[in-house]
PDB file of N, CA and C in Angstrom:
ATOM      1  N   THR A   1       0.839  -1.185   0.000  1.00  0.00           N
ATOM      2  CA  THR A   1       0.000   0.000   0.000  1.00  0.00           C
ATOM      3  C   THR A   1       0.876   1.237   0.000  1.00  0.00           C
ATOM      4  N   SER A   2       0.341   2.309  -0.498  1.00  0.00           N
ATOM      5  CA  SER A   2       1.092   3.558  -0.501  1.00  0.00           C
ATOM      6  C   SER A   2       0.520   4.494   0.566  1.00  0.00           C
ATOM      7  N   ILE A   3       1.395   5.247   1.162  1.00  0.00           N
ATOM      8  CA  ILE A   3       1.002   6.211   2.190  1.00  0.00           C
ATOM      9  C   ILE A   3       1.390   7.595   1.692  1.00  0.00           C
ATOM     10  N   PRO A   4       0.417   8.501   1.575  1.00  0.00           N
ATOM     11  CA  PRO A   4       0.773   9.861   1.166  1.00  0.00           C
ATOM     12  C   PRO A   4       1.774  10.451   2.173  1.00  0.00           C
ATOM     13  N   THR A   5       2.872  10.951   1.657  1.00  0.00           N
ATOM     14  CA  THR A   5       3.943  11.438   2.523  1.00  0.00           C
ATOM     15  C   THR A   5       4.318  12.863   2.148  1.00  0.00           C
ATOM     16  N   VAL A   6       4.502  13.684   3.174  1.00  0.00           N
ATOM     17  CA  VAL A   6       4.951  15.056   2.981  1.00  0.00           C
ATOM     18  C   VAL A   6       6.382  15.138   3.506  1.00  0.00           C
ATOM     19  N   LEU A   7       7.289  15.574   2.632  1.00  0.00           N
ATOM     20  CA  LEU A   7       8.691  15.717   3.015  1.00  0.00           C
ATOM     21  C   LEU A   7       9.026  17.173   3.256  1.00  0.00           C
ATOM     22  N   ARG A   8       9.810  17.399   4.266  1.00  0.00           N
ATOM     23  CA  ARG A   8      10.381  18.728   4.490  1.00  0.00           C
ATOM     24  C   ARG A   8      11.884  18.530   4.564  1.00  0.00           C
ATOM     25  N   SER A   9      12.597  19.212   3.701  1.00  0.00           N
ATOM     26  CA  SER A   9      14.053  19.062   3.708  1.00  0.00           C
ATOM     27  C   SER A   9      14.696  20.305   4.294  1.00  0.00           C
ATOM     28  N   ARG A  10      15.829  20.101   4.932  1.00  0.00           N
ATOM     29  CA  ARG A  10      16.557  21.189   5.569  1.00  0.00           C
ATOM     30  C   ARG A  10      18.013  21.146   5.140  1.00  0.00           C
ATOM     31  N   ARG A  11      18.257  21.122   3.861  1.00  0.00           N
ATOM     32  CA  ARG A  11      19.619  21.056   3.335  1.00  0.00           C
ATOM     33  C   ARG A  11      20.342  22.374   3.581  1.00  0.00           C
ATOM     34  N   GLY A  12      21.497  22.277   4.173  1.00  0.00           N
ATOM     35  CA  GLY A  12      22.318  23.459   4.370  1.00  0.00           C
ATOM     36  C   GLY A  12      21.792  24.443   5.401  1.00  0.00           C
ATOM     37  N   ALA A  13      20.822  24.023   6.196  1.00  0.00           N
ATOM     38  CA  ALA A  13      20.291  24.915   7.229  1.00  0.00           C
ATOM     39  C   ALA A  13      21.377  25.226   8.254  1.00  0.00           C
ATOM     40  N   LYS A  14      21.325  26.424   8.803  1.00  0.00           N
ATOM     41  CA  LYS A  14      22.322  26.829   9.801  1.00  0.00           C
ATOM     42  C   LYS A  14      22.073  26.168  11.144  1.00  0.00           C
ATOM     43  N   ASP A  15      20.816  25.874  11.448  1.00  0.00           N
ATOM     44  CA  ASP A  15      20.453  25.324  12.743  1.00  0.00           C
ATOM     45  C   ASP A  15      19.975  23.888  12.626  1.00  0.00           C
ATOM     46  N   ASN A  16      20.045  23.168  13.735  1.00  0.00           N
ATOM     47  CA  ASN A  16      19.495  21.821  13.791  1.00  0.00           C
ATOM     48  C   ASN A  16      17.973  21.907  13.761  1.00  0.00           C
ATOM     49  N   VAL A  17      17.320  20.809  13.398  1.00  0.00           N
ATOM     50  CA  VAL A  17      15.858  20.747  13.379  1.00  0.00           C
ATOM     51  C   VAL A  17      15.369  20.763  14.822  1.00  0.00           C
ATOM     52  N   ASP A  18      14.421  21.644  15.120  1.00  0.00           N
ATOM     53  CA  ASP A  18      13.887  21.734  16.480  1.00  0.00           C
ATOM     54  C   ASP A  18      12.420  21.313  16.519  1.00  0.00           C
ATOM     55  N   GLY A  19      11.856  21.308  17.714  1.00  0.00           N
ATOM     56  CA  GLY A  19      10.467  20.898  17.887  1.00  0.00           C
ATOM     57  C   GLY A  19       9.499  21.768  17.118  1.00  0.00           C
ATOM     58  N   GLY A  20       9.814  23.048  16.950  1.00  0.00           N
ATOM     59  CA  GLY A  20       8.936  23.949  16.196  1.00  0.00           C
ATOM     60  C   GLY A  20       8.785  23.517  14.750  1.00  0.00           C
ATOM     61  N   ALA A  21       9.864  23.047  14.149  1.00  0.00           N
ATOM     62  CA  ALA A  21       9.801  22.579  12.759  1.00  0.00           C
ATOM     63  C   ALA A  21       8.899  21.356  12.649  1.00  0.00           C
ATOM     64  N   ILE A  22       8.944  20.504  13.666  1.00  0.00           N
ATOM     65  CA  ILE A  22       8.104  19.307  13.675  1.00  0.00           C
ATOM     66  C   ILE A  22       6.636  19.700  13.828  1.00  0.00           C
ATOM     67  N   ARG A  23       6.361  20.608  14.743  1.00  0.00           N
ATOM     68  CA  ARG A  23       4.982  21.077  14.946  1.00  0.00           C
ATOM     69  C   ARG A  23       4.444  21.754  13.691  1.00  0.00           C
ATOM     70  N   ASP A  24       5.286  22.537  13.021  1.00  0.00           N
ATOM     71  CA  ASP A  24       4.862  23.201  11.775  1.00  0.00           C
ATOM     72  C   ASP A  24       4.471  22.180  10.708  1.00  0.00           C
ATOM     73  N   LEU A  25       5.300  21.165  10.541  1.00  0.00           N
ATOM     74  CA  LEU A  25       5.005  20.143   9.547  1.00  0.00           C
ATOM     75  C   LEU A  25       3.733  19.385   9.914  1.00  0.00           C
ATOM     76  N   ARG A  26       3.620  18.988  11.170  1.00  0.00           N
ATOM     77  CA  ARG A  26       2.443  18.236  11.605  1.00  0.00           C
ATOM     78  C   ARG A  26       1.173  19.051  11.366  1.00  0.00           C
ATOM     79  N   GLY A  27       1.232  20.348  11.600  1.00  0.00           N
ATOM     80  CA  GLY A  27       0.073  21.208  11.388  1.00  0.00           C
ATOM     81  C   GLY A  27      -0.333  21.318   9.930  1.00  0.00           C
ATOM     82  N   ALA A  28       0.597  21.060   9.019  1.00  0.00           N
ATOM     83  CA  ALA A  28       0.314  21.146   7.585  1.00  0.00           C
ATOM     84  C   ALA A  28      -0.184  19.825   7.002  1.00  0.00           C
ATOM     85  N   LEU A  29      -0.098  18.754   7.784  1.00  0.00           N
ATOM     86  CA  LEU A  29      -0.489  17.433   7.284  1.00  0.00           C
ATOM     87  C   LEU A  29      -1.999  17.246   7.288  1.00  0.00           C
ATOM     88  N   ARG A  30      -2.490  16.511   6.287  1.00  0.00           N
ATOM     89  CA  ARG A  30      -3.878  16.059   6.302  1.00  0.00           C
ATOM     90  C   ARG A  30      -3.927  14.750   7.085  1.00  0.00           C
ATOM     91  N   VAL A  31      -5.105  14.321   7.441  1.00  0.00           N
ATOM     92  CA  VAL A  31      -5.279  13.144   8.296  1.00  0.00           C
ATOM     93  C   VAL A  31      -4.567  11.910   7.753  1.00  0.00           C
ATOM     94  N   GLU A  32      -4.630  11.686   6.445  1.00  0.00           N
ATOM     95  CA  GLU A  32      -4.078  10.464   5.859  1.00  0.00           C
ATOM     96  C   GLU A  32      -2.591  10.562   5.544  1.00  0.00           C
ATOM     97  N   GLU A  33      -1.961  11.695   5.785  1.00  0.00           N
ATOM     98  CA  GLU A  33      -0.567  11.896   5.391  1.00  0.00           C
ATOM     99  C   GLU A  33       0.411  11.582   6.520  1.00  0.00           C
ATOM    100  N   HIS A  34       1.589  11.202   6.106  1.00  0.00           N
ATOM    101  CA  HIS A  34       2.708  10.951   7.017  1.00  0.00           C
ATOM    102  C   HIS A  34       3.766  12.016   6.750  1.00  0.00           C
ATOM    103  N   GLY A  35       4.463  12.470   7.766  1.00  0.00           N
ATOM    104  CA  GLY A  35       5.486  13.499   7.591  1.00  0.00           C
ATOM    105  C   GLY A  35       6.887  12.959   7.799  1.00  0.00           C
ATOM    106  N   VAL A  36       7.820  13.480   7.017  1.00  0.00           N
ATOM    107  CA  VAL A  36       9.236  13.115   7.141  1.00  0.00           C
ATOM    108  C   VAL A  36      10.050  14.399   7.043  1.00  0.00           C
ATOM    109  N   VAL A  37      10.966  14.581   7.990  1.00  0.00           N
ATOM    110  CA  VAL A  37      11.897  15.713   7.937  1.00  0.00           C
ATOM    111  C   VAL A  37      13.277  15.145   7.658  1.00  0.00           C
ATOM    112  N   ILE A  38      13.890  15.629   6.582  1.00  0.00           N
ATOM    113  CA  ILE A  38      15.232  15.196   6.198  1.00  0.00           C
ATOM    114  C   ILE A  38      16.159  16.401   6.324  1.00  0.00           C
ATOM    115  N   THR A  39      17.247  16.230   7.049  1.00  0.00           N
ATOM    116  CA  THR A  39      18.193  17.322   7.243  1.00  0.00           C
ATOM    117  C   THR A  39      19.619  16.820   7.084  1.00  0.00           C
ATOM    118  N   THR A  40      20.496  17.689   6.629  1.00  0.00           N
ATOM    119  CA  THR A  40      21.911  17.342   6.571  1.00  0.00           C
ATOM    120  C   THR A  40      22.567  17.600   7.927  1.00  0.00           C
ATOM    121  N   ARG A  41      21.813  18.206   8.836  1.00  0.00           N
ATOM    122  CA  ARG A  41      22.327  18.480  10.185  1.00  0.00           C
ATOM    123  C   ARG A  41      21.773  17.444  11.157  1.00  0.00           C
ATOM    124  N   HIS A  42      21.340  17.866  12.306  1.00  0.00           N
ATOM    125  CA  HIS A  42      20.829  16.950  13.329  1.00  0.00           C
ATOM    126  C   HIS A  42      19.479  17.441  13.837  1.00  0.00           C
ATOM    127  N   SER A  43      18.816  16.595  14.610  1.00  0.00           N
ATOM    128  CA  SER A  43      17.552  16.947  15.251  1.00  0.00           C
ATOM    129  C   SER A  43      17.802  17.132  16.739  1.00  0.00           C
ATOM    130  N   THR A  44      17.207  18.165  17.322  1.00  0.00           N
ATOM    131  CA  THR A  44      17.371  18.402  18.749  1.00  0.00           C
ATOM    132  C   THR A  44      16.564  17.381  19.542  1.00  0.00           C
ATOM    133  N   LYS A  45      16.842  17.291  20.846  1.00  0.00           N
ATOM    134  CA  LYS A  45      16.059  16.398  21.706  1.00  0.00           C
ATOM    135  C   LYS A  45      14.588  16.781  21.670  1.00  0.00           C
ATOM    136  N   ASP A  46      14.311  18.092  21.630  1.00  0.00           N
ATOM    137  CA  ASP A  46      12.933  18.580  21.553  1.00  0.00           C
ATOM    138  C   ASP A  46      12.254  18.087  20.279  1.00  0.00           C
ATOM    139  N   ALA A  47      12.984  18.062  19.165  1.00  0.00           N
ATOM    140  CA  ALA A  47      12.418  17.592  17.903  1.00  0.00           C
ATOM    141  C   ALA A  47      12.098  16.104  17.977  1.00  0.00           C
ATOM    142  N   VAL A  48      12.994  15.322  18.551  1.00  0.00           N
ATOM    143  CA  VAL A  48      12.773  13.880  18.683  1.00  0.00           C
ATOM    144  C   VAL A  48      11.571  13.612  19.581  1.00  0.00           C
ATOM    145  N   THR A  49      11.493  14.333  20.699  1.00  0.00           N
ATOM    146  CA  THR A  49      10.357  14.178  21.612  1.00  0.00           C
ATOM    147  C   THR A  49       9.054  14.531  20.919  1.00  0.00           C
ATOM    148  N   GLU A  50       9.046  15.624  20.191  1.00  0.00           N
ATOM    149  CA  GLU A  50       7.840  16.066  19.487  1.00  0.00           C
ATOM    150  C   GLU A  50       7.470  15.093  18.367  1.00  0.00           C
ATOM    151  N   ALA A  51       8.456  14.601  17.647  1.00  0.00           N
ATOM    152  CA  ALA A  51       8.195  13.706  16.517  1.00  0.00           C
ATOM    153  C   ALA A  51       7.576  12.384  16.956  1.00  0.00           C
ATOM    154  N   THR A  52       7.888  11.955  18.165  1.00  0.00           N
ATOM    155  CA  THR A  52       7.409  10.663  18.661  1.00  0.00           C
ATOM    156  C   THR A  52       6.357  10.798  19.749  1.00  0.00           C
ATOM    157  N   ALA A  53       5.812  12.002  19.931  1.00  0.00           N
ATOM    158  CA  ALA A  53       4.852  12.254  21.005  1.00  0.00           C
ATOM    159  C   ALA A  53       3.620  11.362  20.895  1.00  0.00           C
ATOM    160  N   SER A  54       3.228  10.800  22.014  1.00  0.00           N
ATOM    161  CA  SER A  54       2.062   9.928  22.079  1.00  0.00           C
ATOM    162  C   SER A  54       0.787  10.710  21.760  1.00  0.00           C
ATOM    163  N   GLY A  55      -0.083  10.095  20.985  1.00  0.00           N
ATOM    164  CA  GLY A  55      -1.356  10.723  20.655  1.00  0.00           C
ATOM    165  C   GLY A  55      -1.297  11.713  19.504  1.00  0.00           C
ATOM    166  N   LYS A  56      -0.115  11.885  18.910  1.00  0.00           N
ATOM    167  CA  LYS A  56       0.050  12.798  17.780  1.00  0.00           C
ATOM    168  C   LYS A  56       0.532  12.011  16.568  1.00  0.00           C
ATOM    169  N   THR A  57       0.279  12.554  15.385  1.00  0.00           N
ATOM    170  CA  THR A  57       0.782  11.924  14.168  1.00  0.00           C
ATOM    171  C   THR A  57       2.303  11.856  14.240  1.00  0.00           C
ATOM    172  N   PRO A  58       2.878  10.645  14.150  1.00  0.00           N
ATOM    173  CA  PRO A  58       4.339  10.555  14.217  1.00  0.00           C
ATOM    174  C   PRO A  58       4.999  11.169  12.985  1.00  0.00           C
ATOM    175  N   ILE A  59       6.141  11.762  13.197  1.00  0.00           N
ATOM    176  CA  ILE A  59       6.939  12.355  12.122  1.00  0.00           C
ATOM    177  C   ILE A  59       8.274  11.621  12.106  1.00  0.00           C
ATOM    178  N   SER A  60       8.686  11.142  10.952  1.00  0.00           N
ATOM    179  CA  SER A  60       9.983  10.472  10.830  1.00  0.00           C
ATOM    180  C   SER A  60      11.082  11.515  10.664  1.00  0.00           C
ATOM    181  N   LEU A  61      12.195  11.272  11.331  1.00  0.00           N
ATOM    182  CA  LEU A  61      13.343  12.177  11.252  1.00  0.00           C
ATOM    183  C   LEU A  61      14.513  11.444  10.606  1.00  0.00           C
ATOM    184  N   VAL A  62      15.135  12.089   9.620  1.00  0.00           N
ATOM    185  CA  VAL A  62      16.329  11.543   8.974  1.00  0.00           C
ATOM    186  C   VAL A  62      17.395  12.634   9.037  1.00  0.00           C
ATOM    187  N   ASP A  63      18.489  12.351   9.768  1.00  0.00           N
ATOM    188  CA  ASP A  63      19.563  13.341   9.879  1.00  0.00           C
ATOM    189  C   ASP A  63      20.677  13.012   8.893  1.00  0.00           C
ATOM    190  N   GLY A  64      21.745  13.789   8.935  1.00  0.00           N
ATOM    191  CA  GLY A  64      22.846  13.629   7.983  1.00  0.00           C
ATOM    192  C   GLY A  64      23.374  12.211   7.881  1.00  0.00           C
ATOM    193  N   PRO A  65      23.853  11.619   8.993  1.00  0.00           N
ATOM    194  CA  PRO A  65      24.366  10.246   8.919  1.00  0.00           C
ATOM    195  C   PRO A  65      23.294   9.241   8.478  1.00  0.00           C
ATOM    196  N   GLY A  66      22.058   9.420   8.928  1.00  0.00           N
ATOM    197  CA  GLY A  66      20.972   8.531   8.519  1.00  0.00           C
ATOM    198  C   GLY A  66      20.677   8.650   7.034  1.00  0.00           C
ATOM    199  N   LEU A  67      20.782   9.863   6.510  1.00  0.00           N
ATOM    200  CA  LEU A  67      20.557  10.087   5.088  1.00  0.00           C
ATOM    201  C   LEU A  67      21.630   9.371   4.264  1.00  0.00           C
ATOM    202  N   VAL A  68      22.873   9.472   4.702  1.00  0.00           N
ATOM    203  CA  VAL A  68      23.963   8.778   4.003  1.00  0.00           C
ATOM    204  C   VAL A  68      23.721   7.274   4.036  1.00  0.00           C
ATOM    205  N   ASP A  69      23.317   6.741   5.189  1.00  0.00           N
ATOM    206  CA  ASP A  69      23.031   5.310   5.296  1.00  0.00           C
ATOM    207  C   ASP A  69      21.928   4.894   4.328  1.00  0.00           C
ATOM    208  N   LEU A  70      20.857   5.684   4.246  1.00  0.00           N
ATOM    209  CA  LEU A  70      19.761   5.368   3.322  1.00  0.00           C
ATOM    210  C   LEU A  70      20.218   5.392   1.869  1.00  0.00           C
ATOM    211  N   LEU A  71      21.011   6.392   1.510  1.00  0.00           N
ATOM    212  CA  LEU A  71      21.508   6.489   0.138  1.00  0.00           C
ATOM    213  C   LEU A  71      22.394   5.292  -0.211  1.00  0.00           C
ATOM    214  N   LEU A  72      23.264   4.914   0.716  1.00  0.00           N
ATOM    215  CA  LEU A  72      24.124   3.753   0.483  1.00  0.00           C
ATOM    216  C   LEU A  72      23.297   2.477   0.378  1.00  0.00           C
ATOM    217  N   GLU A  73      22.346   2.316   1.276  1.00  0.00           N
ATOM    218  CA  GLU A  73      21.500   1.119   1.299  1.00  0.00           C
ATOM    219  C   GLU A  73      20.706   0.959   0.008  1.00  0.00           C
ATOM    220  N   ARG A  74      20.226   2.069  -0.529  1.00  0.00           N
ATOM    221  CA  ARG A  74      19.391   2.031  -1.737  1.00  0.00           C
ATOM    222  C   ARG A  74      20.189   2.215  -3.032  1.00  0.00           C
ATOM    223  N   GLY A  75      21.486   2.518  -2.898  1.00  0.00           N
ATOM    224  CA  GLY A  75      22.327   2.709  -4.077  1.00  0.00           C
ATOM    225  C   GLY A  75      21.994   3.977  -4.842  1.00  0.00           C
ATOM    226  N   ILE A  76      21.543   4.995  -4.135  1.00  0.00           N
ATOM    227  CA  ILE A  76      21.153   6.259  -4.776  1.00  0.00           C
ATOM    228  C   ILE A  76      22.346   7.215  -4.757  1.00  0.00           C
ATOM    229  N   GLY A  77      22.725   7.696  -5.940  1.00  0.00           N
ATOM    230  CA  GLY A  77      23.827   8.651  -6.021  1.00  0.00           C
ATOM    231  C   GLY A  77      25.174   8.046  -5.667  1.00  0.00           C
ATOM    232  N   ILE A  78      25.274   6.748  -5.793  1.00  0.00           N
ATOM    233  CA  ILE A  78      26.480   6.036  -5.385  1.00  0.00           C
ATOM    234  C   ILE A  78      27.137   5.398  -6.605  1.00  0.00           C
ATOM    235  N   GLN A  79      28.432   5.518  -6.698  1.00  0.00           N
ATOM    236  CA  GLN A  79      29.203   4.819  -7.715  1.00  0.00           C
ATOM    237  C   GLN A  79      30.161   3.881  -6.993  1.00  0.00           C
ATOM    238  N   THR A  80      30.200   2.640  -7.427  1.00  0.00           N
ATOM    239  CA  THR A  80      31.084   1.657  -6.817  1.00  0.00           C
ATOM    240  C   THR A  80      32.255   1.395  -7.759  1.00  0.00           C
ATOM    241  N   ARG A  81      33.449   1.464  -7.212  1.00  0.00           N
ATOM    242  CA  ARG A  81      34.655   1.138  -7.975  1.00  0.00           C
ATOM    243  C   ARG A  81      35.427   0.081  -7.212  1.00  0.00           C
ATOM    244  N   PHE A  82      35.955  -0.871  -7.950  1.00  0.00           N
ATOM    245  CA  PHE A  82      36.800  -1.885  -7.343  1.00  0.00           C
ATOM    246  C   PHE A  82      38.240  -1.510  -7.636  1.00  0.00           C
ATOM    247  N   VAL A  83      39.022  -1.410  -6.595  1.00  0.00           N
ATOM    248  CA  VAL A  83      40.413  -0.993  -6.714  1.00  0.00           C
ATOM    249  C   VAL A  83      41.298  -2.182  -6.363  1.00  0.00           C
ATOM    250  N   PRO A  84      42.230  -2.540  -7.248  1.00  0.00           N
ATOM    251  CA  PRO A  84      43.114  -3.665  -6.913  1.00  0.00           C
ATOM    252  C   PRO A  84      44.030  -3.296  -5.749  1.00  0.00           C
ATOM    253  N   ILE A  85      44.213  -4.238  -4.874  1.00  0.00           N
ATOM    254  CA  ILE A  85      45.135  -4.052  -3.750  1.00  0.00           C
ATOM    255  C   ILE A  85      46.312  -4.976  -3.995  1.00  0.00           C
ATOM    256  N   ARG A  86      47.489  -4.388  -4.015  1.00  0.00           N
ATOM    257  CA  ARG A  86      48.694  -5.170  -4.301  1.00  0.00           C
ATOM    258  C   ARG A  86      49.494  -5.338  -3.004  1.00  0.00           C
ATOM    259  N   ARG A  87      50.057  -6.506  -2.872  1.00  0.00           N
ATOM    260  CA  ARG A  87      50.922  -6.756  -1.733  1.00  0.00           C
ATOM    261  C   ARG A  87      52.090  -7.626  -2.183  1.00  0.00           C
ATOM    262  N   LEU A  88      53.166  -7.545  -1.477  1.00  0.00           N
ATOM    263  CA  LEU A  88      54.337  -8.320  -1.829  1.00  0.00           C
ATOM    264  C   LEU A  88      54.123  -9.789  -1.480  1.00  0.00           C
ATOM    265  N   ASP A  89      54.583 -10.652  -2.380  1.00  0.00           N
ATOM    266  CA  ASP A  89      54.501 -12.088  -2.149  1.00  0.00           C
ATOM    267  C   ASP A  89      55.690 -12.486  -1.305  1.00  0.00           C
ATOM    268  N   THR A  90      55.440 -12.943  -0.103  1.00  0.00           N
ATOM    269  CA  THR A  90      56.548 -13.328   0.784  1.00  0.00           C
ATOM    270  C   THR A  90      56.861 -14.769   0.556  1.00  0.00           C
TER     271      THR A  90
END
């Protein structure tokens, strides 16, 4: 099944993602939508608490290292090269 998803990206932002950014996104979502915040920086403790708050629409958070992991896992924007390793025969 597909889930309508709203993405908010924070590429190159000066500040980490805070709880206010999560609340803003959640307020823009329709009932059937899921929210995801992707940032090249990090999420504050307040953002994590807000994103996972009980009784509220959960918001997924993807930070810089998590984004790199996802790209590597899915092979997006990745080029693989095999480099020969030479060693002396003893």
